[in-house]
Structure formats: structure tokens, C-alpha cells
Amino acid sequence: MSIQLSLLNHQVGARAGLNDADLDCLDLVARHGPLSPSALAQRAALHPATITGILDRLERGGWVARRTRPVPTAALSSSGPGATGTRS
């Protein structure tokens, strides 16, 4: 049964222009909702660089849309010389 399901997934993916890894990642997003690329890489057991390529293909095909998150305030602060709000 699992072999038949795998073959069916492969056929569906081929008709949609998706390879097996693309289809697996799309399935994870459909099951778990919006995921960060690192969370998707972890769930798919793939390297983050591989996920980047998969997301590029899925986005080009209109299957997913990337949304950026606001940068945390702490990441915007600087304690280096010349930074606003630093002590002299």
C-alpha cells in the first residue's frame, strides 16, 4: 500500500511540475501551517540550503508565498562606536 501511495504522489507531483522533495515540503506546510524555513528544514530532515532551493521553486510556481517577519528590536540596536544612544 505505501508503495502505491508513493507512486501516486510521484505521479501527482510530476503532473503539477513538482519533484518528490518539493511535494513533501508542500505537504508539510499544508499539514502544519506557516513554517519558517529552518522549521521546515528540520521537519523535512533536509539541509537549510536545500530548503532554500525548494522554496524558490515552490514560490516561482505559485505554490507558496514567503512572508517576512519584522526584525526583533534587539537585533537593530548597536553598542559599537557612533551608535545612536550609546554612552560616551
Protein backbone atom coordinates (compact mmCIF):
# COMPACT_ATOMS: atom_id res chain seq x y z
CA MET A 1 0.00 0.00 0.00
CA SER A 2 2.75 2.50 0.87
CA ILE A 3 4.50 1.82 -2.44
CA GLN A 4 1.26 2.54 -4.29
CA LEU A 5 0.78 5.77 -2.35
CA SER A 6 4.35 6.78 -3.10
CA LEU A 7 3.83 6.12 -6.81
CA LEU A 8 0.61 8.11 -6.77
CA ASN A 9 2.35 11.05 -5.05
CA HIS A 10 5.12 10.89 -7.65
CA GLN A 11 2.58 10.94 -10.49
CA VAL A 12 0.62 13.82 -8.96
CA GLY A 13 3.84 15.76 -8.37
CA ALA A 14 5.01 15.16 -11.93
CA ARG A 15 1.72 16.45 -13.35
CA ALA A 16 1.97 19.54 -11.15
CA GLY A 17 5.62 20.09 -12.08
CA LEU A 18 6.89 19.22 -8.59
CA ASN A 19 9.60 16.75 -7.69
CA ASP A 20 9.28 14.47 -4.67
CA ALA A 21 11.11 16.80 -2.24
CA ASP A 22 9.02 19.78 -3.39
CA LEU A 23 5.82 17.81 -2.88
CA ASP A 24 6.95 16.57 0.55
CA CYS A 25 7.68 20.13 1.71
CA LEU A 26 4.40 21.40 0.31
CA ASP A 27 2.63 18.63 2.21
CA LEU A 28 4.39 19.65 5.45
CA VAL A 29 3.30 23.26 5.01
CA ALA A 30 -0.26 22.14 4.28
CA ARG A 31 -0.31 19.96 7.40
CA HIS A 32 1.43 22.30 9.85
CA GLY A 33 0.58 25.75 8.53
CA PRO A 34 3.12 28.51 8.01
CA LEU A 35 6.63 27.37 8.92
CA SER A 36 9.94 29.18 8.97
CA PRO A 37 12.49 27.79 6.52
CA SER A 38 14.53 26.39 9.41
CA ALA A 39 11.47 24.67 10.93
CA LEU A 40 10.60 23.24 7.51
CA ALA A 41 14.18 22.00 7.07
CA GLN A 42 14.02 20.31 10.45
CA ARG A 43 10.65 18.66 9.80
CA ALA A 44 11.71 17.54 6.32
CA ALA A 45 15.14 16.39 7.59
CA LEU A 46 16.83 18.44 4.86
CA HIS A 47 19.72 20.90 4.90
CA PRO A 48 18.62 24.56 5.08
CA ALA A 49 20.34 25.29 1.75
CA THR A 50 18.25 22.55 0.15
CA ILE A 51 15.10 24.09 1.61
CA THR A 52 16.04 27.45 0.08
CA GLY A 53 16.10 25.90 -3.39
CA ILE A 54 12.84 24.07 -2.79
CA LEU A 55 11.13 27.24 -1.54
CA ASP A 56 12.45 29.16 -4.55
CA ARG A 57 10.86 26.61 -6.89
CA LEU A 58 7.59 26.48 -4.95
CA GLU A 59 7.37 30.28 -4.87
CA ARG A 60 8.09 30.59 -8.61
CA GLY A 61 5.33 28.05 -9.27
CA GLY A 62 2.86 29.96 -7.12
CA TRP A 63 2.57 27.15 -4.55
CA VAL A 64 3.82 29.16 -1.57
CA ALA A 65 4.29 32.79 -0.66
CA ARG A 66 7.07 33.94 1.59
CA ARG A 67 6.30 36.44 4.29
CA THR A 68 9.00 38.30 6.13
CA ARG A 69 8.85 38.75 9.85
CA PRO A 70 9.69 42.04 11.49
CA VAL A 71 13.23 42.11 12.76
CA PRO A 72 13.35 41.95 16.57
CA THR A 73 14.18 45.30 18.17
CA ALA A 74 17.23 43.85 19.90
CA ALA A 75 18.72 42.99 16.53
CA LEU A 76 18.51 46.64 15.50
CA SER A 77 20.43 48.02 18.46
CA SER A 78 24.14 48.52 18.31
CA SER A 79 26.63 49.13 21.06
CA GLY A 80 29.51 49.98 18.72
CA PRO A 81 31.19 53.40 18.42
CA GLY A 82 28.96 56.01 16.78
CA ALA A 83 25.77 54.11 17.51
CA THR A 84 22.75 56.15 18.49
CA GLY A 85 22.08 56.15 22.20
CA THR A 86 25.49 54.88 23.28
CA ARG A 87 27.28 56.30 26.25
CA SER A 88 30.39 58.42 25.88
